[in-house]
N, C-alpha and C. Protein backbone atom coordinates (compact mmCIF):
# COMPACT_ATOMS: atom_id res chain seq x y z
N MET A 1 0.84 -1.20 0.00
CA MET A 1 0.00 0.00 0.00
C MET A 1 0.87 1.24 0.00
N LYS A 2 0.62 2.17 -0.91
CA LYS A 2 1.44 3.35 -1.03
C LYS A 2 1.19 4.31 0.14
N LYS A 3 2.26 4.90 0.64
CA LYS A 3 2.15 5.83 1.75
C LYS A 3 1.90 7.25 1.28
N GLY A 4 2.18 7.54 0.01
CA GLY A 4 2.01 8.89 -0.49
C GLY A 4 2.89 9.15 -1.69
N ASN A 5 2.71 10.32 -2.27
CA ASN A 5 3.46 10.72 -3.46
C ASN A 5 4.54 11.73 -3.09
N ILE A 6 5.77 11.43 -3.43
CA ILE A 6 6.90 12.30 -3.15
C ILE A 6 7.42 12.89 -4.46
N LEU A 7 7.56 14.19 -4.51
CA LEU A 7 8.19 14.85 -5.64
C LEU A 7 9.61 15.25 -5.25
N ILE A 8 10.59 14.69 -5.94
CA ILE A 8 12.00 15.02 -5.70
C ILE A 8 12.47 15.94 -6.81
N VAL A 9 12.92 17.13 -6.44
CA VAL A 9 13.44 18.10 -7.42
C VAL A 9 14.94 18.20 -7.19
N GLU A 10 15.71 17.54 -8.06
CA GLU A 10 17.16 17.41 -7.87
C GLU A 10 17.82 17.23 -9.22
N ASP A 11 18.82 18.07 -9.52
CA ASP A 11 19.46 18.00 -10.84
C ASP A 11 20.67 17.07 -10.87
N ASP A 12 21.08 16.54 -9.72
CA ASP A 12 22.16 15.57 -9.67
C ASP A 12 21.54 14.18 -9.84
N ASP A 13 21.76 13.56 -10.99
CA ASP A 13 21.11 12.28 -11.30
C ASP A 13 21.43 11.20 -10.28
N ARG A 14 22.67 11.18 -9.81
CA ARG A 14 23.07 10.13 -8.85
C ARG A 14 22.31 10.28 -7.53
N ILE A 15 22.26 11.51 -7.01
CA ILE A 15 21.55 11.76 -5.76
C ILE A 15 20.06 11.47 -5.92
N ALA A 16 19.50 11.93 -7.04
CA ALA A 16 18.08 11.71 -7.28
C ALA A 16 17.74 10.23 -7.33
N GLU A 17 18.60 9.44 -7.97
CA GLU A 17 18.34 8.01 -8.09
C GLU A 17 18.41 7.31 -6.73
N VAL A 18 19.40 7.70 -5.92
CA VAL A 18 19.52 7.10 -4.58
C VAL A 18 18.29 7.42 -3.74
N LEU A 19 17.87 8.68 -3.74
CA LEU A 19 16.70 9.06 -2.96
C LEU A 19 15.45 8.34 -3.47
N LYS A 20 15.31 8.28 -4.77
CA LYS A 20 14.15 7.59 -5.36
C LYS A 20 14.09 6.14 -4.89
N ASN A 21 15.23 5.47 -4.91
CA ASN A 21 15.27 4.07 -4.50
C ASN A 21 14.89 3.90 -3.03
N TYR A 22 15.39 4.79 -2.18
CA TYR A 22 15.10 4.69 -0.75
C TYR A 22 13.63 4.97 -0.46
N PHE A 23 13.07 5.98 -1.11
CA PHE A 23 11.65 6.29 -0.88
C PHE A 23 10.75 5.17 -1.42
N GLU A 24 11.10 4.62 -2.56
CA GLU A 24 10.30 3.53 -3.10
C GLU A 24 10.40 2.29 -2.21
N ALA A 25 11.57 2.08 -1.62
CA ALA A 25 11.73 0.95 -0.70
C ALA A 25 10.86 1.14 0.55
N ALA A 26 10.59 2.42 0.88
CA ALA A 26 9.72 2.73 2.02
C ALA A 26 8.25 2.79 1.60
N ASN A 27 7.96 2.36 0.37
CA ASN A 27 6.59 2.23 -0.14
C ASN A 27 5.95 3.56 -0.53
N PHE A 28 6.77 4.53 -0.94
CA PHE A 28 6.26 5.78 -1.49
C PHE A 28 6.27 5.71 -3.02
N LYS A 29 5.38 6.46 -3.62
CA LYS A 29 5.42 6.66 -5.07
C LYS A 29 6.23 7.92 -5.34
N VAL A 30 7.18 7.86 -6.26
CA VAL A 30 8.15 8.94 -6.42
C VAL A 30 8.18 9.46 -7.86
N LEU A 31 8.22 10.78 -7.99
CA LEU A 31 8.47 11.44 -9.26
C LEU A 31 9.70 12.32 -9.10
N VAL A 32 10.62 12.27 -10.06
CA VAL A 32 11.84 13.08 -10.01
C VAL A 32 11.82 14.10 -11.14
N LEU A 33 12.08 15.35 -10.80
CA LEU A 33 12.27 16.42 -11.78
C LEU A 33 13.68 16.98 -11.61
N ASP A 34 14.35 17.30 -12.72
CA ASP A 34 15.73 17.74 -12.63
C ASP A 34 15.95 19.22 -12.97
N ASP A 35 14.85 19.97 -13.14
CA ASP A 35 15.01 21.41 -13.38
C ASP A 35 13.86 22.14 -12.71
N GLY A 36 14.06 23.43 -12.48
CA GLY A 36 13.09 24.21 -11.74
C GLY A 36 11.89 24.67 -12.54
N ASP A 37 12.02 24.76 -13.85
CA ASP A 37 10.96 25.35 -14.66
C ASP A 37 9.68 24.53 -14.71
N THR A 38 9.78 23.22 -14.52
CA THR A 38 8.61 22.36 -14.66
C THR A 38 7.91 22.07 -13.33
N VAL A 39 8.47 22.56 -12.23
CA VAL A 39 7.94 22.19 -10.91
C VAL A 39 6.55 22.74 -10.67
N ILE A 40 6.37 24.04 -10.90
CA ILE A 40 5.10 24.69 -10.57
C ILE A 40 3.93 24.05 -11.31
N SER A 41 4.07 23.86 -12.60
CA SER A 41 2.97 23.26 -13.37
C SER A 41 2.67 21.85 -12.90
N ASN A 42 3.72 21.11 -12.52
CA ASN A 42 3.52 19.75 -12.05
C ASN A 42 2.77 19.72 -10.72
N VAL A 43 3.15 20.61 -9.80
CA VAL A 43 2.48 20.67 -8.49
C VAL A 43 1.02 21.07 -8.66
N GLN A 44 0.76 21.96 -9.61
CA GLN A 44 -0.62 22.42 -9.83
C GLN A 44 -1.49 21.33 -10.45
N THR A 45 -0.93 20.55 -11.35
CA THR A 45 -1.73 19.53 -12.04
C THR A 45 -1.79 18.20 -11.29
N SER A 46 -0.70 17.85 -10.60
CA SER A 46 -0.64 16.59 -9.85
C SER A 46 -0.02 16.84 -8.48
N PRO A 47 -0.78 17.40 -7.55
CA PRO A 47 -0.22 17.78 -6.25
C PRO A 47 0.37 16.59 -5.50
N PRO A 48 1.64 16.66 -5.12
CA PRO A 48 2.25 15.58 -4.34
C PRO A 48 1.88 15.71 -2.86
N ASP A 49 2.24 14.70 -2.08
CA ASP A 49 2.03 14.77 -0.63
C ASP A 49 3.19 15.47 0.06
N LEU A 50 4.36 15.48 -0.59
CA LEU A 50 5.55 16.15 -0.03
C LEU A 50 6.53 16.42 -1.15
N ILE A 51 7.25 17.54 -1.04
CA ILE A 51 8.27 17.91 -2.04
C ILE A 51 9.63 17.97 -1.35
N LEU A 52 10.60 17.29 -1.94
CA LEU A 52 12.00 17.40 -1.52
C LEU A 52 12.68 18.29 -2.56
N LEU A 53 13.03 19.50 -2.16
CA LEU A 53 13.39 20.55 -3.13
C LEU A 53 14.82 21.04 -2.92
N ASP A 54 15.67 20.74 -3.90
CA ASP A 54 17.06 21.23 -3.86
C ASP A 54 17.07 22.74 -4.11
N ILE A 55 17.95 23.44 -3.43
CA ILE A 55 18.01 24.90 -3.60
C ILE A 55 18.71 25.28 -4.89
N ARG A 56 19.82 24.61 -5.20
CA ARG A 56 20.60 24.94 -6.39
C ARG A 56 20.12 24.15 -7.59
N LEU A 57 19.35 24.78 -8.45
CA LEU A 57 18.80 24.12 -9.63
C LEU A 57 19.07 24.97 -10.87
N PRO A 58 19.11 24.34 -12.03
CA PRO A 58 19.23 25.12 -13.26
C PRO A 58 17.92 25.85 -13.55
N ASP A 59 18.02 26.97 -14.21
CA ASP A 59 16.87 27.76 -14.68
C ASP A 59 16.18 28.55 -13.57
N LYS A 60 15.77 27.87 -12.49
CA LYS A 60 15.06 28.55 -11.41
C LYS A 60 15.48 27.91 -10.08
N ASP A 61 15.91 28.73 -9.11
CA ASP A 61 16.42 28.17 -7.86
C ASP A 61 15.29 27.73 -6.94
N GLY A 62 15.63 26.84 -5.98
CA GLY A 62 14.64 26.27 -5.09
C GLY A 62 13.94 27.27 -4.20
N MET A 63 14.64 28.33 -3.77
CA MET A 63 14.01 29.33 -2.92
C MET A 63 12.87 30.04 -3.66
N THR A 64 13.12 30.39 -4.91
CA THR A 64 12.08 31.02 -5.73
C THR A 64 10.90 30.07 -5.92
N ILE A 65 11.20 28.81 -6.20
CA ILE A 65 10.15 27.82 -6.39
C ILE A 65 9.31 27.67 -5.14
N CYS A 66 9.98 27.62 -3.97
CA CYS A 66 9.26 27.47 -2.71
C CYS A 66 8.30 28.64 -2.49
N ARG A 67 8.77 29.85 -2.74
CA ARG A 67 7.90 31.02 -2.57
C ARG A 67 6.70 30.95 -3.52
N GLU A 68 6.94 30.53 -4.75
CA GLU A 68 5.84 30.45 -5.72
C GLU A 68 4.83 29.38 -5.31
N ILE A 69 5.31 28.24 -4.84
CA ILE A 69 4.39 27.18 -4.40
C ILE A 69 3.54 27.66 -3.23
N ARG A 70 4.16 28.39 -2.31
CA ARG A 70 3.43 28.86 -1.13
C ARG A 70 2.34 29.88 -1.48
N SER A 71 2.38 30.42 -2.68
CA SER A 71 1.33 31.37 -3.09
C SER A 71 0.02 30.67 -3.43
N PHE A 72 0.09 29.32 -3.60
CA PHE A 72 -1.15 28.61 -3.95
C PHE A 72 -1.30 27.26 -3.26
N SER A 73 -0.29 26.81 -2.52
CA SER A 73 -0.37 25.47 -1.93
C SER A 73 0.35 25.41 -0.59
N ASN A 74 -0.18 24.55 0.31
CA ASN A 74 0.45 24.29 1.59
C ASN A 74 1.14 22.92 1.62
N VAL A 75 1.42 22.35 0.45
CA VAL A 75 2.08 21.06 0.40
C VAL A 75 3.38 21.12 1.21
N PRO A 76 3.67 20.11 2.04
CA PRO A 76 4.92 20.12 2.81
C PRO A 76 6.14 20.15 1.89
N ILE A 77 7.11 21.00 2.26
CA ILE A 77 8.34 21.16 1.47
C ILE A 77 9.54 21.00 2.38
N ILE A 78 10.46 20.13 2.00
CA ILE A 78 11.75 20.00 2.68
C ILE A 78 12.81 20.54 1.74
N MET A 79 13.51 21.58 2.16
CA MET A 79 14.58 22.16 1.35
C MET A 79 15.88 21.38 1.55
N VAL A 80 16.65 21.26 0.47
CA VAL A 80 17.93 20.56 0.51
C VAL A 80 19.02 21.53 0.06
N THR A 81 20.08 21.64 0.84
CA THR A 81 21.15 22.57 0.50
C THR A 81 22.51 22.00 0.83
N ALA A 82 23.51 22.39 0.05
CA ALA A 82 24.91 22.07 0.34
C ALA A 82 25.68 23.33 0.69
N MET A 83 25.00 24.48 0.74
CA MET A 83 25.64 25.77 0.95
C MET A 83 25.51 26.19 2.40
N VAL A 84 26.63 26.25 3.10
CA VAL A 84 26.63 26.57 4.52
C VAL A 84 26.04 27.95 4.77
N GLU A 85 26.29 28.89 3.88
CA GLU A 85 25.81 30.26 4.10
C GLU A 85 24.29 30.37 4.01
N GLU A 86 23.64 29.33 3.50
CA GLU A 86 22.18 29.37 3.42
C GLU A 86 21.50 28.86 4.69
N ILE A 87 22.27 28.25 5.58
CA ILE A 87 21.67 27.59 6.74
C ILE A 87 20.94 28.59 7.64
N ASP A 88 21.54 29.77 7.87
CA ASP A 88 20.90 30.75 8.73
C ASP A 88 19.52 31.13 8.22
N ARG A 89 19.40 31.26 6.90
CA ARG A 89 18.11 31.62 6.31
C ARG A 89 17.11 30.47 6.48
N LEU A 90 17.61 29.25 6.34
CA LEU A 90 16.72 28.10 6.43
C LEU A 90 16.35 27.78 7.87
N LEU A 91 17.22 28.13 8.83
CA LEU A 91 16.91 27.86 10.23
C LEU A 91 15.58 28.49 10.62
N GLY A 92 15.33 29.68 10.13
CA GLY A 92 14.07 30.35 10.41
C GLY A 92 12.96 29.87 9.51
N LEU A 93 13.32 29.13 8.45
CA LEU A 93 12.34 28.61 7.48
C LEU A 93 11.39 29.71 7.02
N GLU A 94 11.97 30.91 6.81
CA GLU A 94 11.12 32.04 6.44
C GLU A 94 10.52 31.89 5.05
N LEU A 95 11.02 30.93 4.29
CA LEU A 95 10.48 30.73 2.94
C LEU A 95 9.13 30.03 2.96
N GLY A 96 8.75 29.50 4.11
CA GLY A 96 7.52 28.72 4.17
C GLY A 96 7.77 27.23 4.05
N ALA A 97 9.04 26.83 4.08
CA ALA A 97 9.35 25.40 4.05
C ALA A 97 9.07 24.78 5.41
N ASP A 98 8.91 23.46 5.43
CA ASP A 98 8.59 22.75 6.66
C ASP A 98 9.82 22.19 7.35
N ASP A 99 10.91 22.01 6.61
CA ASP A 99 12.13 21.48 7.20
C ASP A 99 13.26 21.70 6.20
N TYR A 100 14.48 21.43 6.60
CA TYR A 100 15.62 21.51 5.69
C TYR A 100 16.59 20.38 5.99
N ILE A 101 17.35 19.98 4.98
CA ILE A 101 18.35 18.93 5.09
C ILE A 101 19.62 19.42 4.42
N CYS A 102 20.76 19.13 5.03
CA CYS A 102 22.05 19.55 4.48
C CYS A 102 22.76 18.39 3.79
N LYS A 103 23.34 18.70 2.64
CA LYS A 103 24.22 17.74 1.96
C LYS A 103 25.62 17.83 2.56
N PRO A 104 26.33 16.70 2.66
CA PRO A 104 25.89 15.34 2.35
C PRO A 104 24.96 14.81 3.44
N PHE A 105 24.09 13.89 3.06
CA PHE A 105 23.14 13.36 4.02
C PHE A 105 23.08 11.84 3.90
N ILE A 106 22.47 11.22 4.91
CA ILE A 106 22.23 9.78 4.90
C ILE A 106 20.82 9.57 4.35
N PRO A 107 20.67 8.83 3.26
CA PRO A 107 19.35 8.68 2.64
C PRO A 107 18.27 8.20 3.60
N ARG A 108 18.61 7.28 4.50
CA ARG A 108 17.61 6.80 5.47
C ARG A 108 17.10 7.93 6.34
N GLU A 109 17.99 8.87 6.67
CA GLU A 109 17.57 10.01 7.48
C GLU A 109 16.61 10.91 6.71
N VAL A 110 16.85 11.08 5.41
CA VAL A 110 15.96 11.89 4.59
C VAL A 110 14.55 11.29 4.59
N VAL A 111 14.47 9.98 4.43
CA VAL A 111 13.17 9.31 4.45
C VAL A 111 12.50 9.49 5.82
N ALA A 112 13.28 9.34 6.88
CA ALA A 112 12.73 9.50 8.22
C ALA A 112 12.22 10.92 8.45
N ARG A 113 12.97 11.90 7.97
CA ARG A 113 12.54 13.30 8.13
C ARG A 113 11.27 13.56 7.34
N ALA A 114 11.19 12.98 6.15
CA ALA A 114 9.99 13.15 5.33
C ALA A 114 8.78 12.53 6.03
N LYS A 115 8.95 11.36 6.62
CA LYS A 115 7.85 10.72 7.34
C LYS A 115 7.42 11.59 8.52
N ALA A 116 8.39 12.19 9.21
CA ALA A 116 8.06 13.04 10.36
C ALA A 116 7.25 14.25 9.92
N VAL A 117 7.65 14.86 8.80
CA VAL A 117 6.90 16.02 8.30
C VAL A 117 5.49 15.61 7.89
N LEU A 118 5.36 14.45 7.25
CA LEU A 118 4.04 13.97 6.84
C LEU A 118 3.16 13.66 8.06
N ARG A 119 3.77 13.10 9.11
CA ARG A 119 2.99 12.84 10.32
C ARG A 119 2.48 14.14 10.92
N ARG A 120 3.33 15.16 10.88
CA ARG A 120 2.96 16.44 11.47
C ARG A 120 1.91 17.17 10.64
N THR A 121 2.02 17.08 9.33
CA THR A 121 1.12 17.85 8.46
C THR A 121 -0.12 17.07 8.02
N HIS A 122 -0.03 15.73 8.05
CA HIS A 122 -1.17 14.89 7.67
C HIS A 122 -1.37 13.80 8.71
N PRO A 123 -1.67 14.17 9.94
CA PRO A 123 -1.77 13.15 11.00
C PRO A 123 -2.86 12.13 10.75
N GLU A 124 -3.87 12.48 9.95
CA GLU A 124 -4.96 11.55 9.72
C GLU A 124 -4.53 10.37 8.87
N HIS A 125 -3.38 10.50 8.18
CA HIS A 125 -2.92 9.42 7.31
C HIS A 125 -1.85 8.56 7.95
N GLU A 126 -1.45 8.90 9.16
CA GLU A 126 -0.37 8.17 9.82
C GLU A 126 -0.77 7.82 11.24
N GLU A 127 -0.18 6.78 11.76
CA GLU A 127 -0.34 6.48 13.17
C GLU A 127 0.26 7.65 13.95
N ASN A 128 -0.48 8.16 14.91
CA ASN A 128 -0.05 9.40 15.58
C ASN A 128 1.02 9.13 16.62
N LYS A 129 2.16 8.65 16.16
CA LYS A 129 3.29 8.41 17.05
C LYS A 129 4.54 9.03 16.45
N LEU A 130 5.32 9.67 17.31
CA LEU A 130 6.63 10.17 16.95
C LEU A 130 7.66 9.31 17.66
N VAL A 131 8.68 8.88 16.92
CA VAL A 131 9.67 7.96 17.48
C VAL A 131 11.07 8.47 17.21
N VAL A 132 11.87 8.60 18.26
CA VAL A 132 13.29 8.92 18.13
C VAL A 132 14.03 7.96 19.06
N GLY A 133 14.72 6.97 18.48
CA GLY A 133 15.37 5.96 19.30
C GLY A 133 14.34 5.23 20.15
N SER A 134 14.59 5.15 21.46
CA SER A 134 13.66 4.48 22.38
C SER A 134 12.61 5.42 22.94
N LEU A 135 12.63 6.67 22.47
CA LEU A 135 11.67 7.69 22.93
C LEU A 135 10.46 7.68 22.00
N ILE A 136 9.28 7.48 22.56
CA ILE A 136 8.05 7.38 21.77
C ILE A 136 7.02 8.34 22.33
N MET A 137 6.44 9.15 21.44
CA MET A 137 5.35 10.04 21.81
C MET A 137 4.09 9.58 21.09
N ASP A 138 3.11 9.14 21.85
CA ASP A 138 1.81 8.74 21.31
C ASP A 138 0.88 9.94 21.45
N GLU A 139 0.69 10.66 20.36
CA GLU A 139 -0.08 11.90 20.42
C GLU A 139 -1.57 11.64 20.66
N ARG A 140 -2.06 10.53 20.17
CA ARG A 140 -3.48 10.21 20.37
C ARG A 140 -3.78 10.01 21.86
N ARG A 141 -2.86 9.36 22.55
CA ARG A 141 -3.06 9.08 23.98
C ARG A 141 -2.37 10.11 24.87
N HIS A 142 -1.67 11.05 24.25
CA HIS A 142 -0.93 12.07 24.99
C HIS A 142 0.00 11.42 26.01
N LYS A 143 0.79 10.47 25.51
CA LYS A 143 1.64 9.66 26.38
C LYS A 143 3.05 9.61 25.81
N VAL A 144 4.05 9.70 26.71
CA VAL A 144 5.45 9.65 26.29
C VAL A 144 6.15 8.55 27.07
N THR A 145 6.88 7.70 26.35
CA THR A 145 7.67 6.66 27.00
C THR A 145 9.11 6.71 26.49
N VAL A 146 10.03 6.30 27.34
CA VAL A 146 11.43 6.18 26.93
C VAL A 146 11.94 4.86 27.49
N GLY A 147 12.44 4.01 26.59
CA GLY A 147 12.90 2.70 27.01
C GLY A 147 11.81 1.88 27.65
N GLY A 148 10.54 2.14 27.28
CA GLY A 148 9.42 1.41 27.84
C GLY A 148 8.86 1.99 29.12
N TYR A 149 9.49 3.02 29.66
CA TYR A 149 9.03 3.66 30.89
C TYR A 149 8.24 4.93 30.56
N ASP A 150 7.12 5.10 31.26
CA ASP A 150 6.34 6.33 31.11
C ASP A 150 7.09 7.50 31.72
N ILE A 151 7.09 8.64 31.04
CA ILE A 151 7.59 9.87 31.65
C ILE A 151 6.48 10.90 31.64
N TYR A 152 6.40 11.65 32.70
CA TYR A 152 5.30 12.58 32.90
C TYR A 152 5.80 14.00 32.70
N LEU A 153 5.21 14.69 31.74
CA LEU A 153 5.68 16.01 31.32
C LEU A 153 4.63 17.06 31.60
N THR A 154 5.11 18.28 31.85
CA THR A 154 4.21 19.41 31.93
C THR A 154 3.73 19.74 30.51
N PRO A 155 2.65 20.52 30.36
CA PRO A 155 2.18 20.86 29.02
C PRO A 155 3.25 21.52 28.16
N ILE A 156 4.04 22.43 28.71
CA ILE A 156 5.06 23.09 27.90
C ILE A 156 6.19 22.13 27.56
N GLU A 157 6.56 21.22 28.48
CA GLU A 157 7.59 20.23 28.18
C GLU A 157 7.12 19.31 27.05
N TYR A 158 5.86 18.93 27.10
CA TYR A 158 5.30 18.07 26.05
C TYR A 158 5.37 18.76 24.70
N GLN A 159 5.01 20.03 24.63
CA GLN A 159 5.04 20.77 23.37
C GLN A 159 6.46 20.93 22.84
N LEU A 160 7.40 21.24 23.72
CA LEU A 160 8.80 21.37 23.29
C LEU A 160 9.31 20.05 22.73
N LEU A 161 9.01 18.96 23.43
CA LEU A 161 9.46 17.65 22.98
C LEU A 161 8.81 17.29 21.64
N ARG A 162 7.54 17.58 21.49
CA ARG A 162 6.84 17.27 20.25
C ARG A 162 7.46 18.01 19.07
N ILE A 163 7.82 19.27 19.28
CA ILE A 163 8.43 20.06 18.21
C ILE A 163 9.75 19.43 17.77
N MET A 164 10.59 19.08 18.75
CA MET A 164 11.89 18.49 18.41
C MET A 164 11.74 17.11 17.77
N MET A 165 10.82 16.29 18.29
CA MET A 165 10.66 14.94 17.75
C MET A 165 10.06 14.96 16.35
N SER A 166 9.33 16.02 16.00
CA SER A 166 8.73 16.09 14.68
C SER A 166 9.77 16.26 13.58
N ALA A 167 10.99 16.66 13.96
CA ALA A 167 12.08 16.82 12.98
C ALA A 167 13.40 16.54 13.69
N SER A 168 13.64 15.27 13.99
CA SER A 168 14.85 14.92 14.73
C SER A 168 16.09 15.33 13.97
N ASP A 169 17.10 15.76 14.70
CA ASP A 169 18.38 16.25 14.19
C ASP A 169 18.31 17.66 13.62
N ARG A 170 17.12 18.22 13.53
CA ARG A 170 17.04 19.63 13.14
C ARG A 170 17.25 20.50 14.38
N VAL A 171 18.01 21.57 14.23
CA VAL A 171 18.25 22.50 15.34
C VAL A 171 17.12 23.52 15.39
N PHE A 172 16.49 23.63 16.56
CA PHE A 172 15.43 24.61 16.76
C PHE A 172 15.95 25.74 17.63
N THR A 173 15.77 26.97 17.19
CA THR A 173 16.14 28.13 18.00
C THR A 173 15.05 28.38 19.03
N ARG A 174 15.34 29.23 20.00
CA ARG A 174 14.32 29.59 21.00
C ARG A 174 13.14 30.28 20.32
N ASN A 175 13.44 31.10 19.33
CA ASN A 175 12.36 31.76 18.60
C ASN A 175 11.49 30.76 17.84
N ASP A 176 12.11 29.68 17.34
CA ASP A 176 11.33 28.63 16.68
C ASP A 176 10.31 28.05 17.66
N PHE A 177 10.78 27.72 18.86
CA PHE A 177 9.88 27.16 19.87
C PHE A 177 8.73 28.12 20.17
N ILE A 178 9.08 29.38 20.36
CA ILE A 178 8.08 30.37 20.74
C ILE A 178 7.03 30.55 19.65
N SER A 179 7.48 30.57 18.40
CA SER A 179 6.53 30.80 17.30
C SER A 179 5.60 29.62 17.10
N LYS A 180 6.03 28.41 17.54
CA LYS A 180 5.23 27.22 17.35
C LYS A 180 4.29 26.92 18.51
N ILE A 181 4.55 27.55 19.67
CA ILE A 181 3.73 27.29 20.85
C ILE A 181 2.90 28.54 21.13
N GLN A 182 1.61 28.42 21.07
CA GLN A 182 0.73 29.57 21.26
C GLN A 182 0.15 29.57 22.68
N GLY A 183 -0.23 30.77 23.13
CA GLY A 183 -0.93 30.89 24.40
C GLY A 183 -0.07 30.70 25.62
N TYR A 184 1.23 30.91 25.48
CA TYR A 184 2.13 30.75 26.62
C TYR A 184 2.75 32.08 26.97
N ASN A 185 2.97 32.32 28.26
CA ASN A 185 3.57 33.58 28.70
C ASN A 185 5.07 33.55 28.43
N TYR A 186 5.51 34.36 27.47
CA TYR A 186 6.90 34.28 27.03
C TYR A 186 7.79 35.36 27.63
N ASP A 187 7.35 36.02 28.68
CA ASP A 187 8.21 37.01 29.32
C ASP A 187 9.50 36.33 29.76
N GLY A 188 10.63 36.93 29.37
CA GLY A 188 11.92 36.32 29.70
C GLY A 188 12.09 34.96 29.07
N TYR A 189 11.68 34.83 27.82
CA TYR A 189 11.54 33.51 27.20
C TYR A 189 12.86 32.76 27.08
N ASP A 190 13.98 33.46 26.89
CA ASP A 190 15.25 32.75 26.73
C ASP A 190 15.50 31.83 27.92
N ARG A 191 15.41 32.40 29.12
CA ARG A 191 15.65 31.62 30.32
C ARG A 191 14.54 30.59 30.54
N THR A 192 13.30 30.95 30.22
CA THR A 192 12.18 30.03 30.40
C THR A 192 12.34 28.79 29.54
N ILE A 193 12.65 28.98 28.25
CA ILE A 193 12.85 27.84 27.36
C ILE A 193 14.01 26.98 27.87
N ASP A 194 15.10 27.61 28.25
CA ASP A 194 16.26 26.86 28.73
C ASP A 194 15.92 26.01 29.95
N ASN A 195 15.15 26.55 30.87
CA ASN A 195 14.78 25.81 32.08
C ASN A 195 13.88 24.62 31.75
N HIS A 196 12.94 24.83 30.85
CA HIS A 196 12.07 23.72 30.46
C HIS A 196 12.86 22.62 29.76
N ILE A 197 13.79 23.00 28.90
CA ILE A 197 14.62 22.00 28.22
C ILE A 197 15.47 21.24 29.24
N LYS A 198 16.00 21.95 30.22
CA LYS A 198 16.80 21.31 31.27
C LYS A 198 15.98 20.26 32.02
N ASN A 199 14.74 20.60 32.38
CA ASN A 199 13.89 19.66 33.10
C ASN A 199 13.50 18.48 32.21
N LEU A 200 13.23 18.77 30.94
CA LEU A 200 12.86 17.72 29.99
C LEU A 200 14.02 16.75 29.79
N ARG A 201 15.20 17.28 29.65
CA ARG A 201 16.40 16.45 29.47
C ARG A 201 16.60 15.52 30.67
N LYS A 202 16.42 16.04 31.87
CA LYS A 202 16.59 15.23 33.08
C LYS A 202 15.58 14.09 33.12
N LYS A 203 14.33 14.36 32.78
CA LYS A 203 13.31 13.31 32.83
C LYS A 203 13.62 12.19 31.85
N ILE A 204 14.16 12.54 30.69
CA ILE A 204 14.52 11.52 29.71
C ILE A 204 15.76 10.76 30.17
N ASN A 205 16.75 11.50 30.66
CA ASN A 205 18.01 10.88 31.06
C ASN A 205 17.89 9.98 32.27
N ASP A 206 16.84 10.16 33.06
CA ASP A 206 16.63 9.27 34.21
C ASP A 206 16.48 7.82 33.78
N HIS A 207 16.08 7.60 32.52
CA HIS A 207 15.85 6.24 32.03
C HIS A 207 16.88 5.79 31.01
N ILE A 208 17.71 6.70 30.52
CA ILE A 208 18.77 6.31 29.57
C ILE A 208 20.06 7.00 29.99
N ALA A 209 20.42 6.83 31.24
CA ALA A 209 21.59 7.51 31.80
C ALA A 209 22.83 7.25 30.95
N GLY A 210 23.55 8.34 30.66
CA GLY A 210 24.79 8.23 29.91
C GLY A 210 24.63 8.30 28.41
N HIS A 211 23.38 8.37 27.93
CA HIS A 211 23.14 8.42 26.49
C HIS A 211 22.25 9.62 26.18
N GLU A 212 22.88 10.74 25.89
CA GLU A 212 22.17 12.00 25.69
C GLU A 212 21.32 11.98 24.42
N MET A 213 20.10 12.53 24.52
CA MET A 213 19.22 12.64 23.36
C MET A 213 18.95 14.09 22.97
N ILE A 214 18.81 14.96 23.96
CA ILE A 214 18.59 16.38 23.68
C ILE A 214 19.94 17.08 23.73
N HIS A 215 20.32 17.69 22.63
CA HIS A 215 21.64 18.29 22.50
C HIS A 215 21.54 19.82 22.38
N THR A 216 22.45 20.49 23.05
CA THR A 216 22.55 21.94 22.93
C THR A 216 23.51 22.28 21.80
N VAL A 217 23.07 23.09 20.86
CA VAL A 217 23.94 23.61 19.80
C VAL A 217 24.25 25.05 20.19
N PHE A 218 25.42 25.27 20.73
CA PHE A 218 25.74 26.54 21.35
C PHE A 218 25.61 27.70 20.38
N GLY A 219 24.92 28.74 20.84
CA GLY A 219 24.72 29.92 20.03
C GLY A 219 23.56 29.81 19.06
N VAL A 220 22.91 28.62 19.02
CA VAL A 220 21.80 28.42 18.08
C VAL A 220 20.55 27.96 18.81
N GLY A 221 20.59 26.76 19.40
CA GLY A 221 19.39 26.25 20.06
C GLY A 221 19.55 24.81 20.47
N TYR A 222 18.51 24.00 20.22
CA TYR A 222 18.48 22.62 20.69
C TYR A 222 18.00 21.68 19.58
N LYS A 223 18.42 20.41 19.69
CA LYS A 223 17.93 19.38 18.78
C LYS A 223 17.83 18.07 19.53
N ILE A 224 17.06 17.15 18.99
CA ILE A 224 16.96 15.81 19.56
C ILE A 224 17.39 14.79 18.51
N SER A 225 18.10 13.76 18.95
CA SER A 225 18.53 12.71 18.03
C SER A 225 18.74 11.43 18.84
N PRO A 226 18.68 10.27 18.18
CA PRO A 226 18.87 9.01 18.91
C PRO A 226 20.22 8.99 19.59
N PRO A 227 20.31 8.38 20.77
CA PRO A 227 21.61 8.32 21.46
C PRO A 227 22.60 7.47 20.71
N GLN A 228 23.85 7.87 20.76
CA GLN A 228 24.93 7.09 20.17
C GLN A 228 25.44 6.11 21.21
N ILE A 229 25.09 4.84 21.05
CA ILE A 229 25.46 3.85 22.05
C ILE A 229 26.60 3.00 21.52
N ASP A 230 27.69 2.98 22.28
CA ASP A 230 28.87 2.21 21.86
C ASP A 230 28.65 0.71 21.99
């Protein structure tokens, strides 16, 4: 049974073929386009469930394409870049993209990130669970377990964890957290976010001592990723 339609926009034939093979192995239907000029018409006539969009393309760059798509569609978009200087712009995702991936990447991670974005944007089509290593968030039951043990979170801790688990290995700034969580008192938010992350980290680490999952990226923010176990 197909999980959805993925549009890969990538002009490097080797990379496109590898991604296509991995997504098809994960039971997705895949279309590959190698130039920017044909993307808009294709999205309009045959809307995909998710777009993996390279920034550097011939004829029309990915940032321009993303802006144009956002003028008529909310289809999830993951931007792909090999340019370090573009990361700051993508961190804020001001283009309207849902996530970003840096080259070089591990194809399995790209598929996992795509699944996470689809779960977040189309929860009705997926089992409402977010999984990072032994950490599982069951959104339907509002339950979080790590290593099989229940952990009890405050509402703000739950929201912070959900944001990070929805795109594991992506770095979220404090402003990212604030913009995604509504109805919370953000006075002195820098310290508030830091304190909540500290408490959240402790609750997780109580059950996986010595194997960090929530990582601080100094000067930027926080990310979550599976623990590296020797």
